[in-house]
Amino acid sequence: MLTANFDESVMLIGDEIKKSENAYFSLRKKRQRIEMRRDGNIFYLEKGSISVYRVENDLVTVSFTAPAILGLAQMRNDVMSHYLRCDTDCEMWVMNATNANEMLTRKNLWMHAFDILTNHLQRYFQRENLRSHKTIREIVIEHVKHIWSLEPDVREKTSVYTFILSRNHISRSAIHKVLQELVNEEKLTLNRGKLATLNL
């Protein structure tokens, strides 16, 4: 799927949520937890960034920066396997699943919802690929590569340690050992815990 199509889908559904009398505006603070309730809500994240955590182990599965549509995967599912946590202060519009279902049908937006879900699924696959390696060194290297692929303004704010720790059950000391080896091998440089250069 082309990024342009995904962005268009997010904006189309987001605009319809904002215009709906059945949606409400919500301001959420940094680090605030948002439960994915059984009756389901969908969220149009207009400003800020948010991470999706697994309930069973509190690990980050994927992160999103506005604009984003969240909650589609939980909308028609009784299993509440994930929750949201704001990485920054967030501005969002919220609509319950019943009204969202009706709106997506009435406005003929299910194909756009599918495009968004497909993009999210691809992000989950990428995340599993980061964790599928056998050694801690390989896991750390894959995460560092992923951080390097982020937009420069996002990368400059991303702590390598926090990013890896929040997504894996690996000790900080084990991560530090690998990062120090990579620095000594001149494969990367860090500036206050942020990735400054990468040569892998």
N, C-alpha and C. Protein backbone atom coordinates (compact mmCIF):
# COMPACT_ATOMS: atom_id res chain seq x y z
N MET A 1 0.84 -1.19 0.00
CA MET A 1 0.00 0.00 0.00
C MET A 1 0.88 1.24 0.00
N LEU A 2 0.55 2.21 -0.80
CA LEU A 2 1.32 3.44 -0.88
C LEU A 2 1.07 4.29 0.36
N THR A 3 2.12 4.97 0.83
CA THR A 3 2.00 5.83 1.99
C THR A 3 0.96 6.91 1.76
N ALA A 4 0.91 7.45 0.55
CA ALA A 4 -0.06 8.50 0.23
C ALA A 4 -1.48 8.01 0.46
N ASN A 5 -1.77 6.76 0.06
CA ASN A 5 -3.10 6.19 0.25
C ASN A 5 -3.41 6.05 1.73
N PHE A 6 -2.42 5.61 2.51
CA PHE A 6 -2.60 5.46 3.95
C PHE A 6 -2.89 6.82 4.59
N ASP A 7 -2.09 7.82 4.25
CA ASP A 7 -2.29 9.16 4.80
C ASP A 7 -3.67 9.71 4.44
N GLU A 8 -4.09 9.46 3.21
CA GLU A 8 -5.41 9.92 2.77
C GLU A 8 -6.51 9.22 3.58
N SER A 9 -6.35 7.93 3.80
CA SER A 9 -7.34 7.18 4.57
C SER A 9 -7.47 7.71 6.00
N VAL A 10 -6.33 8.00 6.62
CA VAL A 10 -6.33 8.55 7.98
C VAL A 10 -7.06 9.88 8.01
N MET A 11 -6.76 10.75 7.05
CA MET A 11 -7.37 12.08 7.04
C MET A 11 -8.87 12.01 6.76
N LEU A 12 -9.28 11.13 5.83
CA LEU A 12 -10.71 11.00 5.51
C LEU A 12 -11.51 10.54 6.73
N ILE A 13 -11.04 9.48 7.38
CA ILE A 13 -11.77 8.97 8.54
C ILE A 13 -11.67 9.96 9.70
N GLY A 14 -10.48 10.54 9.89
CA GLY A 14 -10.32 11.53 10.96
C GLY A 14 -11.26 12.71 10.81
N ASP A 15 -11.39 13.23 9.58
CA ASP A 15 -12.29 14.36 9.34
C ASP A 15 -13.74 13.99 9.64
N GLU A 16 -14.14 12.78 9.26
CA GLU A 16 -15.52 12.36 9.53
C GLU A 16 -15.77 12.20 11.03
N ILE A 17 -14.78 11.70 11.75
CA ILE A 17 -14.93 11.58 13.21
C ILE A 17 -15.08 12.98 13.82
N LYS A 18 -14.22 13.91 13.41
CA LYS A 18 -14.27 15.28 13.95
C LYS A 18 -15.61 15.95 13.68
N LYS A 19 -16.19 15.71 12.49
CA LYS A 19 -17.44 16.36 12.10
C LYS A 19 -18.66 15.74 12.79
N SER A 20 -18.51 14.52 13.31
CA SER A 20 -19.65 13.78 13.83
C SER A 20 -20.12 14.34 15.17
N GLU A 21 -21.43 14.41 15.32
CA GLU A 21 -22.01 14.83 16.61
C GLU A 21 -21.87 13.71 17.65
N ASN A 22 -21.47 12.51 17.20
CA ASN A 22 -21.31 11.38 18.12
C ASN A 22 -19.88 11.22 18.63
N ALA A 23 -19.00 12.13 18.27
CA ALA A 23 -17.61 12.08 18.73
C ALA A 23 -17.37 13.23 19.71
N TYR A 24 -16.39 13.04 20.58
CA TYR A 24 -16.04 14.12 21.51
C TYR A 24 -14.52 14.31 21.53
N PHE A 25 -14.13 15.53 21.85
CA PHE A 25 -12.71 15.89 21.92
C PHE A 25 -12.16 15.51 23.29
N SER A 26 -10.94 14.98 23.31
CA SER A 26 -10.32 14.58 24.57
C SER A 26 -8.86 15.01 24.58
N LEU A 27 -8.44 15.66 25.66
CA LEU A 27 -7.05 16.05 25.85
C LEU A 27 -6.45 15.10 26.88
N ARG A 28 -5.40 14.38 26.50
CA ARG A 28 -4.77 13.41 27.40
C ARG A 28 -3.34 13.85 27.69
N LYS A 29 -2.93 13.62 28.93
CA LYS A 29 -1.60 14.04 29.37
C LYS A 29 -0.55 12.98 29.06
N LYS A 30 0.70 13.44 28.97
CA LYS A 30 1.83 12.54 28.76
C LYS A 30 1.81 11.46 29.84
N ARG A 31 2.06 10.22 29.42
CA ARG A 31 2.10 9.01 30.25
C ARG A 31 0.71 8.51 30.69
N GLN A 32 -0.36 9.19 30.27
CA GLN A 32 -1.69 8.73 30.65
C GLN A 32 -2.03 7.43 29.92
N ARG A 33 -2.61 6.49 30.67
CA ARG A 33 -3.01 5.20 30.11
C ARG A 33 -4.46 5.28 29.65
N ILE A 34 -4.72 4.71 28.48
CA ILE A 34 -6.07 4.68 27.92
C ILE A 34 -6.43 3.22 27.68
N GLU A 35 -7.45 2.76 28.36
CA GLU A 35 -7.88 1.37 28.22
C GLU A 35 -8.66 1.20 26.92
N MET A 36 -8.47 0.04 26.30
CA MET A 36 -9.25 -0.31 25.12
C MET A 36 -10.47 -1.09 25.63
N ARG A 37 -11.56 -0.37 25.85
CA ARG A 37 -12.73 -0.93 26.52
C ARG A 37 -13.43 -1.99 25.67
N ARG A 38 -14.16 -2.84 26.37
CA ARG A 38 -14.85 -3.94 25.69
C ARG A 38 -15.90 -3.45 24.69
N ASP A 39 -16.56 -2.34 24.99
CA ASP A 39 -17.56 -1.84 24.03
C ASP A 39 -16.88 -1.10 22.88
N GLY A 40 -15.59 -0.84 23.03
CA GLY A 40 -14.79 -0.33 21.92
C GLY A 40 -14.94 1.13 21.62
N ASN A 41 -13.85 1.78 21.39
CA ASN A 41 -13.81 3.15 20.89
C ASN A 41 -12.81 3.20 19.76
N ILE A 42 -13.01 4.13 18.84
CA ILE A 42 -11.92 4.44 17.92
C ILE A 42 -11.50 5.87 18.21
N PHE A 43 -10.23 6.14 17.95
CA PHE A 43 -9.63 7.42 18.30
C PHE A 43 -8.99 8.02 17.06
N TYR A 44 -9.23 9.30 16.87
CA TYR A 44 -8.49 10.05 15.86
C TYR A 44 -7.48 10.90 16.62
N LEU A 45 -6.21 10.50 16.56
CA LEU A 45 -5.13 11.22 17.23
C LEU A 45 -4.75 12.40 16.34
N GLU A 46 -5.09 13.60 16.80
CA GLU A 46 -4.86 14.80 15.99
C GLU A 46 -3.51 15.45 16.30
N LYS A 47 -3.07 15.37 17.56
CA LYS A 47 -1.77 15.91 17.95
C LYS A 47 -1.14 15.00 18.99
N GLY A 48 0.19 14.82 18.87
CA GLY A 48 0.91 14.03 19.86
C GLY A 48 1.34 12.68 19.33
N SER A 49 1.88 11.86 20.23
CA SER A 49 2.28 10.50 19.87
C SER A 49 1.87 9.56 20.99
N ILE A 50 1.61 8.32 20.59
CA ILE A 50 1.04 7.33 21.50
C ILE A 50 1.67 5.98 21.22
N SER A 51 1.79 5.14 22.24
CA SER A 51 2.29 3.77 22.06
C SER A 51 1.22 2.77 22.46
N VAL A 52 1.23 1.64 21.77
CA VAL A 52 0.29 0.55 22.06
C VAL A 52 1.07 -0.51 22.84
N TYR A 53 0.56 -0.85 24.02
CA TYR A 53 1.21 -1.82 24.91
C TYR A 53 0.40 -3.10 25.01
N ARG A 54 1.09 -4.23 25.15
CA ARG A 54 0.44 -5.50 25.42
C ARG A 54 0.05 -5.55 26.89
N VAL A 55 -1.18 -5.96 27.18
CA VAL A 55 -1.64 -6.07 28.55
C VAL A 55 -0.85 -7.12 29.32
N GLU A 56 -0.55 -8.26 28.68
CA GLU A 56 0.06 -9.39 29.38
C GLU A 56 1.48 -9.13 29.87
N ASN A 57 2.24 -8.25 29.18
CA ASN A 57 3.63 -8.06 29.61
C ASN A 57 4.09 -6.60 29.60
N ASP A 58 3.18 -5.68 29.32
CA ASP A 58 3.49 -4.24 29.32
C ASP A 58 4.62 -3.85 28.37
N LEU A 59 4.79 -4.58 27.29
CA LEU A 59 5.78 -4.23 26.27
C LEU A 59 5.11 -3.44 25.15
N VAL A 60 5.85 -2.48 24.60
CA VAL A 60 5.35 -1.70 23.47
C VAL A 60 5.31 -2.60 22.24
N THR A 61 4.19 -2.57 21.54
CA THR A 61 4.12 -3.31 20.28
C THR A 61 4.32 -2.39 19.09
N VAL A 62 3.80 -1.16 19.18
CA VAL A 62 3.94 -0.21 18.07
C VAL A 62 3.65 1.19 18.59
N SER A 63 4.22 2.19 17.93
CA SER A 63 3.98 3.58 18.32
C SER A 63 3.45 4.36 17.12
N PHE A 64 2.66 5.39 17.41
CA PHE A 64 2.05 6.21 16.36
C PHE A 64 2.22 7.69 16.69
N THR A 65 2.46 8.46 15.64
CA THR A 65 2.50 9.92 15.76
C THR A 65 1.34 10.48 14.96
N ALA A 66 0.72 11.52 15.48
CA ALA A 66 -0.42 12.14 14.80
C ALA A 66 -0.04 12.59 13.39
N PRO A 67 -0.99 12.53 12.47
CA PRO A 67 -2.37 12.05 12.63
C PRO A 67 -2.43 10.52 12.55
N ALA A 68 -3.31 9.93 13.34
CA ALA A 68 -3.44 8.47 13.34
C ALA A 68 -4.85 8.09 13.78
N ILE A 69 -5.31 6.96 13.25
CA ILE A 69 -6.57 6.36 13.68
C ILE A 69 -6.21 5.13 14.51
N LEU A 70 -6.72 5.04 15.72
CA LEU A 70 -6.42 3.93 16.62
C LEU A 70 -7.71 3.27 17.08
N GLY A 71 -7.60 1.99 17.40
CA GLY A 71 -8.75 1.26 17.96
C GLY A 71 -9.53 0.44 16.97
N LEU A 72 -9.20 0.50 15.68
CA LEU A 72 -9.95 -0.28 14.69
C LEU A 72 -9.84 -1.78 14.96
N ALA A 73 -8.66 -2.23 15.35
CA ALA A 73 -8.46 -3.67 15.57
C ALA A 73 -9.27 -4.17 16.76
N GLN A 74 -9.53 -3.31 17.74
CA GLN A 74 -10.27 -3.70 18.94
C GLN A 74 -11.77 -3.48 18.79
N MET A 75 -12.16 -2.74 17.76
CA MET A 75 -13.54 -2.30 17.62
C MET A 75 -14.55 -3.45 17.56
N ARG A 76 -14.17 -4.55 16.93
CA ARG A 76 -15.09 -5.68 16.77
C ARG A 76 -14.51 -6.93 17.43
N ASN A 77 -13.81 -6.73 18.52
CA ASN A 77 -13.11 -7.83 19.18
C ASN A 77 -13.35 -7.75 20.68
N ASP A 78 -13.73 -8.88 21.29
CA ASP A 78 -13.99 -8.92 22.73
C ASP A 78 -12.73 -9.05 23.57
N VAL A 79 -11.62 -9.44 22.94
CA VAL A 79 -10.38 -9.65 23.68
C VAL A 79 -9.63 -8.33 23.78
N MET A 80 -9.49 -7.84 25.02
CA MET A 80 -8.79 -6.57 25.23
C MET A 80 -7.32 -6.86 25.52
N SER A 81 -6.54 -7.06 24.47
CA SER A 81 -5.15 -7.48 24.62
C SER A 81 -4.16 -6.34 24.72
N HIS A 82 -4.60 -5.11 24.42
CA HIS A 82 -3.69 -3.97 24.39
C HIS A 82 -4.31 -2.74 25.08
N TYR A 83 -3.44 -1.84 25.47
CA TYR A 83 -3.88 -0.53 25.95
C TYR A 83 -2.97 0.53 25.34
N LEU A 84 -3.40 1.77 25.42
CA LEU A 84 -2.63 2.89 24.87
C LEU A 84 -1.99 3.68 26.00
N ARG A 85 -0.83 4.27 25.71
CA ARG A 85 -0.21 5.21 26.65
C ARG A 85 0.35 6.38 25.85
N CYS A 86 0.04 7.59 26.32
CA CYS A 86 0.49 8.79 25.63
C CYS A 86 1.99 9.00 25.86
N ASP A 87 2.74 9.13 24.78
CA ASP A 87 4.17 9.45 24.86
C ASP A 87 4.38 10.94 25.04
N THR A 88 3.38 11.73 24.64
CA THR A 88 3.39 13.19 24.79
C THR A 88 1.98 13.58 25.22
N ASP A 89 1.75 14.86 25.51
CA ASP A 89 0.38 15.32 25.64
C ASP A 89 -0.30 15.08 24.29
N CYS A 90 -1.54 14.61 24.33
CA CYS A 90 -2.24 14.23 23.10
C CYS A 90 -3.60 14.90 23.00
N GLU A 91 -3.94 15.27 21.77
CA GLU A 91 -5.28 15.77 21.47
C GLU A 91 -5.92 14.75 20.54
N MET A 92 -7.11 14.28 20.93
CA MET A 92 -7.77 13.25 20.13
C MET A 92 -9.28 13.40 20.14
N TRP A 93 -9.88 12.80 19.14
CA TRP A 93 -11.33 12.72 19.05
C TRP A 93 -11.71 11.25 19.25
N VAL A 94 -12.78 11.02 20.02
CA VAL A 94 -13.16 9.67 20.41
C VAL A 94 -14.60 9.40 19.97
N MET A 95 -14.81 8.19 19.42
CA MET A 95 -16.15 7.76 19.01
C MET A 95 -16.34 6.31 19.41
N ASN A 96 -17.52 5.97 19.93
CA ASN A 96 -17.72 4.57 20.32
C ASN A 96 -17.90 3.68 19.09
N ALA A 97 -17.72 2.39 19.30
CA ALA A 97 -17.68 1.44 18.18
C ALA A 97 -18.98 1.39 17.40
N THR A 98 -20.11 1.47 18.09
CA THR A 98 -21.41 1.40 17.41
C THR A 98 -21.56 2.56 16.44
N ASN A 99 -21.25 3.76 16.90
CA ASN A 99 -21.36 4.93 16.03
C ASN A 99 -20.31 4.91 14.92
N ALA A 100 -19.11 4.42 15.25
CA ALA A 100 -18.05 4.33 14.24
C ALA A 100 -18.44 3.34 13.15
N ASN A 101 -18.99 2.20 13.54
CA ASN A 101 -19.44 1.20 12.58
C ASN A 101 -20.48 1.79 11.63
N GLU A 102 -21.43 2.51 12.19
CA GLU A 102 -22.49 3.13 11.40
C GLU A 102 -21.91 4.18 10.45
N MET A 103 -20.97 5.00 10.96
CA MET A 103 -20.37 6.06 10.15
C MET A 103 -19.55 5.48 9.00
N LEU A 104 -18.73 4.46 9.28
CA LEU A 104 -17.90 3.86 8.24
C LEU A 104 -18.75 3.24 7.14
N THR A 105 -19.90 2.66 7.52
CA THR A 105 -20.81 2.07 6.54
C THR A 105 -21.52 3.15 5.73
N ARG A 106 -22.09 4.12 6.44
CA ARG A 106 -22.86 5.18 5.77
C ARG A 106 -22.00 6.01 4.83
N LYS A 107 -20.76 6.27 5.21
CA LYS A 107 -19.87 7.10 4.40
C LYS A 107 -19.00 6.28 3.44
N ASN A 108 -19.24 4.97 3.42
CA ASN A 108 -18.50 4.08 2.52
C ASN A 108 -16.98 4.18 2.74
N LEU A 109 -16.58 4.06 4.01
CA LEU A 109 -15.17 4.24 4.38
C LEU A 109 -14.49 2.96 4.84
N TRP A 110 -15.14 1.82 4.69
CA TRP A 110 -14.53 0.57 5.18
C TRP A 110 -13.23 0.23 4.45
N MET A 111 -13.14 0.56 3.16
CA MET A 111 -11.89 0.29 2.44
C MET A 111 -10.74 1.11 3.03
N HIS A 112 -11.05 2.33 3.44
CA HIS A 112 -10.03 3.17 4.07
C HIS A 112 -9.65 2.61 5.45
N ALA A 113 -10.64 2.12 6.17
CA ALA A 113 -10.36 1.48 7.47
C ALA A 113 -9.47 0.25 7.26
N PHE A 114 -9.75 -0.50 6.20
CA PHE A 114 -8.94 -1.68 5.88
C PHE A 114 -7.49 -1.27 5.56
N ASP A 115 -7.32 -0.19 4.80
CA ASP A 115 -5.97 0.29 4.47
C ASP A 115 -5.20 0.66 5.75
N ILE A 116 -5.88 1.29 6.69
CA ILE A 116 -5.25 1.67 7.95
C ILE A 116 -4.86 0.42 8.73
N LEU A 117 -5.77 -0.54 8.82
CA LEU A 117 -5.47 -1.79 9.53
C LEU A 117 -4.31 -2.55 8.88
N THR A 118 -4.25 -2.53 7.55
CA THR A 118 -3.16 -3.19 6.84
C THR A 118 -1.82 -2.55 7.19
N ASN A 119 -1.80 -1.22 7.25
CA ASN A 119 -0.59 -0.51 7.63
C ASN A 119 -0.18 -0.86 9.06
N HIS A 120 -1.16 -0.91 9.97
CA HIS A 120 -0.86 -1.26 11.36
C HIS A 120 -0.33 -2.69 11.46
N LEU A 121 -0.93 -3.59 10.70
CA LEU A 121 -0.48 -4.98 10.71
C LEU A 121 0.97 -5.09 10.23
N GLN A 122 1.31 -4.32 9.21
CA GLN A 122 2.69 -4.31 8.72
C GLN A 122 3.65 -3.82 9.80
N ARG A 123 3.23 -2.85 10.59
CA ARG A 123 4.06 -2.36 11.70
C ARG A 123 4.26 -3.45 12.75
N TYR A 124 3.21 -4.23 13.01
CA TYR A 124 3.35 -5.35 13.96
C TYR A 124 4.34 -6.38 13.43
N PHE A 125 4.26 -6.67 12.13
CA PHE A 125 5.21 -7.63 11.54
C PHE A 125 6.64 -7.12 11.67
N GLN A 126 6.85 -5.83 11.43
CA GLN A 126 8.18 -5.24 11.57
C GLN A 126 8.67 -5.37 13.01
N ARG A 127 7.77 -5.16 13.95
CA ARG A 127 8.13 -5.25 15.36
C ARG A 127 8.55 -6.68 15.71
N GLU A 128 7.79 -7.67 15.21
CA GLU A 128 8.15 -9.06 15.50
C GLU A 128 9.49 -9.42 14.87
N ASN A 129 9.78 -8.85 13.71
CA ASN A 129 11.05 -9.09 13.06
C ASN A 129 12.21 -8.55 13.91
N LEU A 130 11.97 -7.42 14.58
CA LEU A 130 13.01 -6.85 15.46
C LEU A 130 13.35 -7.80 16.60
N ARG A 131 12.34 -8.57 17.04
CA ARG A 131 12.53 -9.42 18.21
C ARG A 131 12.84 -10.87 17.87
N SER A 132 12.88 -11.21 16.59
CA SER A 132 12.98 -12.62 16.19
C SER A 132 14.41 -13.15 16.16
N HIS A 133 15.39 -12.33 16.47
CA HIS A 133 16.78 -12.75 16.40
C HIS A 133 17.19 -13.51 17.66
N LYS A 134 18.22 -14.34 17.53
CA LYS A 134 18.58 -15.26 18.61
C LYS A 134 19.43 -14.63 19.68
N THR A 135 20.31 -13.70 19.32
CA THR A 135 21.22 -13.14 20.31
C THR A 135 20.80 -11.72 20.69
N ILE A 136 21.21 -11.29 21.86
CA ILE A 136 20.92 -9.93 22.31
C ILE A 136 21.57 -8.93 21.36
N ARG A 137 22.78 -9.24 20.91
CA ARG A 137 23.47 -8.34 19.99
C ARG A 137 22.64 -8.13 18.71
N GLU A 138 22.12 -9.22 18.14
CA GLU A 138 21.31 -9.11 16.92
C GLU A 138 20.04 -8.30 17.17
N ILE A 139 19.41 -8.50 18.33
CA ILE A 139 18.19 -7.77 18.68
C ILE A 139 18.50 -6.28 18.79
N VAL A 140 19.58 -5.96 19.50
CA VAL A 140 19.96 -4.55 19.68
C VAL A 140 20.27 -3.91 18.32
N ILE A 141 21.02 -4.60 17.48
CA ILE A 141 21.38 -4.07 16.16
C ILE A 141 20.12 -3.79 15.33
N GLU A 142 19.16 -4.71 15.34
CA GLU A 142 17.93 -4.50 14.56
C GLU A 142 17.15 -3.29 15.07
N HIS A 143 17.10 -3.12 16.40
CA HIS A 143 16.41 -1.97 16.96
C HIS A 143 17.13 -0.67 16.62
N VAL A 144 18.45 -0.69 16.65
CA VAL A 144 19.24 0.50 16.30
C VAL A 144 18.99 0.87 14.83
N LYS A 145 18.95 -0.12 13.96
CA LYS A 145 18.65 0.13 12.54
C LYS A 145 17.26 0.76 12.38
N HIS A 146 16.32 0.24 13.16
CA HIS A 146 14.96 0.78 13.09
C HIS A 146 14.93 2.24 13.56
N ILE A 147 15.61 2.52 14.66
CA ILE A 147 15.67 3.90 15.16
C ILE A 147 16.28 4.81 14.09
N TRP A 148 17.34 4.33 13.42
CA TRP A 148 18.00 5.13 12.39
C TRP A 148 17.06 5.42 11.23
N SER A 149 16.10 4.53 10.98
CA SER A 149 15.17 4.71 9.86
C SER A 149 14.05 5.72 10.17
N LEU A 150 13.94 6.13 11.43
CA LEU A 150 12.90 7.08 11.81
C LEU A 150 13.22 8.46 11.25
N GLU A 151 12.20 9.30 11.17
CA GLU A 151 12.42 10.68 10.74
C GLU A 151 13.44 11.34 11.68
N PRO A 152 14.33 12.18 11.15
CA PRO A 152 15.39 12.78 11.98
C PRO A 152 14.88 13.47 13.25
N ASP A 153 13.76 14.20 13.16
CA ASP A 153 13.27 14.89 14.35
C ASP A 153 12.77 13.92 15.41
N VAL A 154 12.25 12.75 14.98
CA VAL A 154 11.83 11.71 15.93
C VAL A 154 13.06 11.01 16.50
N ARG A 155 14.00 10.67 15.62
CA ARG A 155 15.22 9.97 16.04
C ARG A 155 15.99 10.77 17.09
N GLU A 156 16.06 12.09 16.90
CA GLU A 156 16.82 12.94 17.81
C GLU A 156 16.22 12.98 19.21
N LYS A 157 14.95 12.60 19.34
CA LYS A 157 14.29 12.59 20.65
C LYS A 157 14.17 11.18 21.23
N THR A 158 14.64 10.19 20.50
CA THR A 158 14.44 8.79 20.90
C THR A 158 15.64 8.26 21.67
N SER A 159 15.42 7.92 22.93
CA SER A 159 16.46 7.28 23.73
C SER A 159 16.61 5.83 23.26
N VAL A 160 17.82 5.46 22.86
CA VAL A 160 18.06 4.09 22.39
C VAL A 160 17.72 3.09 23.49
N TYR A 161 18.13 3.38 24.72
CA TYR A 161 17.89 2.47 25.84
C TYR A 161 16.40 2.31 26.10
N THR A 162 15.68 3.43 26.20
CA THR A 162 14.24 3.36 26.47
C THR A 162 13.51 2.63 25.36
N PHE A 163 13.88 2.92 24.12
CA PHE A 163 13.23 2.29 22.97
C PHE A 163 13.36 0.77 23.04
N ILE A 164 14.57 0.28 23.30
CA ILE A 164 14.80 -1.17 23.32
C ILE A 164 14.19 -1.80 24.57
N LEU A 165 14.38 -1.16 25.72
CA LEU A 165 13.85 -1.71 26.99
C LEU A 165 12.34 -1.84 26.97
N SER A 166 11.66 -0.87 26.37
CA SER A 166 10.19 -0.88 26.38
C SER A 166 9.60 -1.93 25.45
N ARG A 167 10.43 -2.52 24.59
CA ARG A 167 9.95 -3.48 23.61
C ARG A 167 10.46 -4.90 23.84
N ASN A 168 11.33 -5.09 24.82
CA ASN A 168 11.95 -6.41 25.04
C ASN A 168 12.23 -6.63 26.51
N HIS A 169 12.29 -7.89 26.89
CA HIS A 169 12.71 -8.24 28.25
C HIS A 169 14.21 -8.49 28.23
N ILE A 170 14.98 -7.41 28.08
CA ILE A 170 16.44 -7.47 28.08
C ILE A 170 16.90 -6.46 29.13
N SER A 171 17.91 -6.81 29.90
CA SER A 171 18.38 -5.91 30.94
C SER A 171 19.10 -4.71 30.33
N ARG A 172 19.07 -3.60 31.06
CA ARG A 172 19.75 -2.38 30.62
C ARG A 172 21.25 -2.63 30.47
N SER A 173 21.82 -3.42 31.40
CA SER A 173 23.26 -3.68 31.35
C SER A 173 23.64 -4.47 30.10
N ALA A 174 22.77 -5.42 29.69
CA ALA A 174 23.05 -6.21 28.48
C ALA A 174 22.99 -5.31 27.24
N ILE A 175 22.02 -4.39 27.21
CA ILE A 175 21.91 -3.45 26.09
C ILE A 175 23.15 -2.55 26.07
N HIS A 176 23.54 -2.06 27.25
CA HIS A 176 24.70 -1.17 27.35
C HIS A 176 25.97 -1.87 26.83
N LYS A 177 26.12 -3.14 27.20
CA LYS A 177 27.31 -3.90 26.78
C LYS A 177 27.39 -3.95 25.25
N VAL A 178 26.28 -4.27 24.59
CA VAL A 178 26.26 -4.36 23.13
C VAL A 178 26.50 -2.98 22.51
N LEU A 179 25.83 -1.96 23.02
CA LEU A 179 26.01 -0.62 22.47
C LEU A 179 27.46 -0.16 22.61
N GLN A 180 28.08 -0.47 23.75
CA GLN A 180 29.48 -0.08 23.95
C GLN A 180 30.40 -0.80 22.96
N GLU A 181 30.10 -2.08 22.71
CA GLU A 181 30.87 -2.83 21.71
C GLU A 181 30.74 -2.16 20.34
N LEU A 182 29.52 -1.77 19.97
CA LEU A 182 29.28 -1.15 18.66
C LEU A 182 29.97 0.21 18.57
N VAL A 183 29.99 0.95 19.67
CA VAL A 183 30.71 2.23 19.69
C VAL A 183 32.21 1.98 19.51
N ASN A 184 32.74 1.00 20.25
CA ASN A 184 34.17 0.68 20.15
C ASN A 184 34.56 0.19 18.76
N GLU A 185 33.61 -0.47 18.09
CA GLU A 185 33.86 -0.95 16.72
C GLU A 185 33.60 0.14 15.68
N GLU A 186 33.25 1.34 16.17
CA GLU A 186 32.97 2.50 15.33
C GLU A 186 31.80 2.25 14.37
N LYS A 187 30.83 1.47 14.83
CA LYS A 187 29.64 1.19 14.02
C LYS A 187 28.51 2.16 14.34
N LEU A 188 28.62 2.86 15.45
CA LEU A 188 27.64 3.89 15.78
C LEU A 188 28.23 4.85 16.80
N THR A 189 27.60 6.00 16.92
CA THR A 189 27.92 6.93 17.99
C THR A 189 26.62 7.35 18.66
N LEU A 190 26.73 7.61 19.95
CA LEU A 190 25.59 8.04 20.74
C LEU A 190 25.87 9.42 21.30
N ASN A 191 24.83 10.22 21.41
CA ASN A 191 24.93 11.54 22.03
C ASN A 191 23.84 11.62 23.09
N ARG A 192 24.25 11.50 24.35
CA ARG A 192 23.31 11.49 25.49
C ARG A 192 22.23 10.44 25.31
N GLY A 193 22.63 9.27 24.90
CA GLY A 193 21.70 8.15 24.76
C GLY A 193 20.90 8.14 23.47
N LYS A 194 21.10 9.15 22.62
CA LYS A 194 20.40 9.22 21.32
C LYS A 194 21.37 8.80 20.22
N LEU A 195 20.84 8.18 19.19
CA LEU A 195 21.66 7.70 18.08
C LEU A 195 22.11 8.86 17.20
N ALA A 196 23.42 9.09 17.13
CA ALA A 196 23.95 10.22 16.37
C ALA A 196 24.41 9.81 14.98
N THR A 197 25.12 8.65 14.89
CA THR A 197 25.54 8.14 13.57
C THR A 197 25.40 6.62 13.59
N LEU A 198 25.28 6.05 12.40
CA LEU A 198 25.19 4.59 12.25
C LEU A 198 25.97 4.17 11.03
N ASN A 199 26.80 3.14 11.19
CA ASN A 199 27.62 2.64 10.09
C ASN A 199 27.64 1.10 10.14
N LEU A 200 26.44 0.53 9.91
CA LEU A 200 26.30 -0.94 9.95
C LEU A 200 26.06 -1.48 8.56
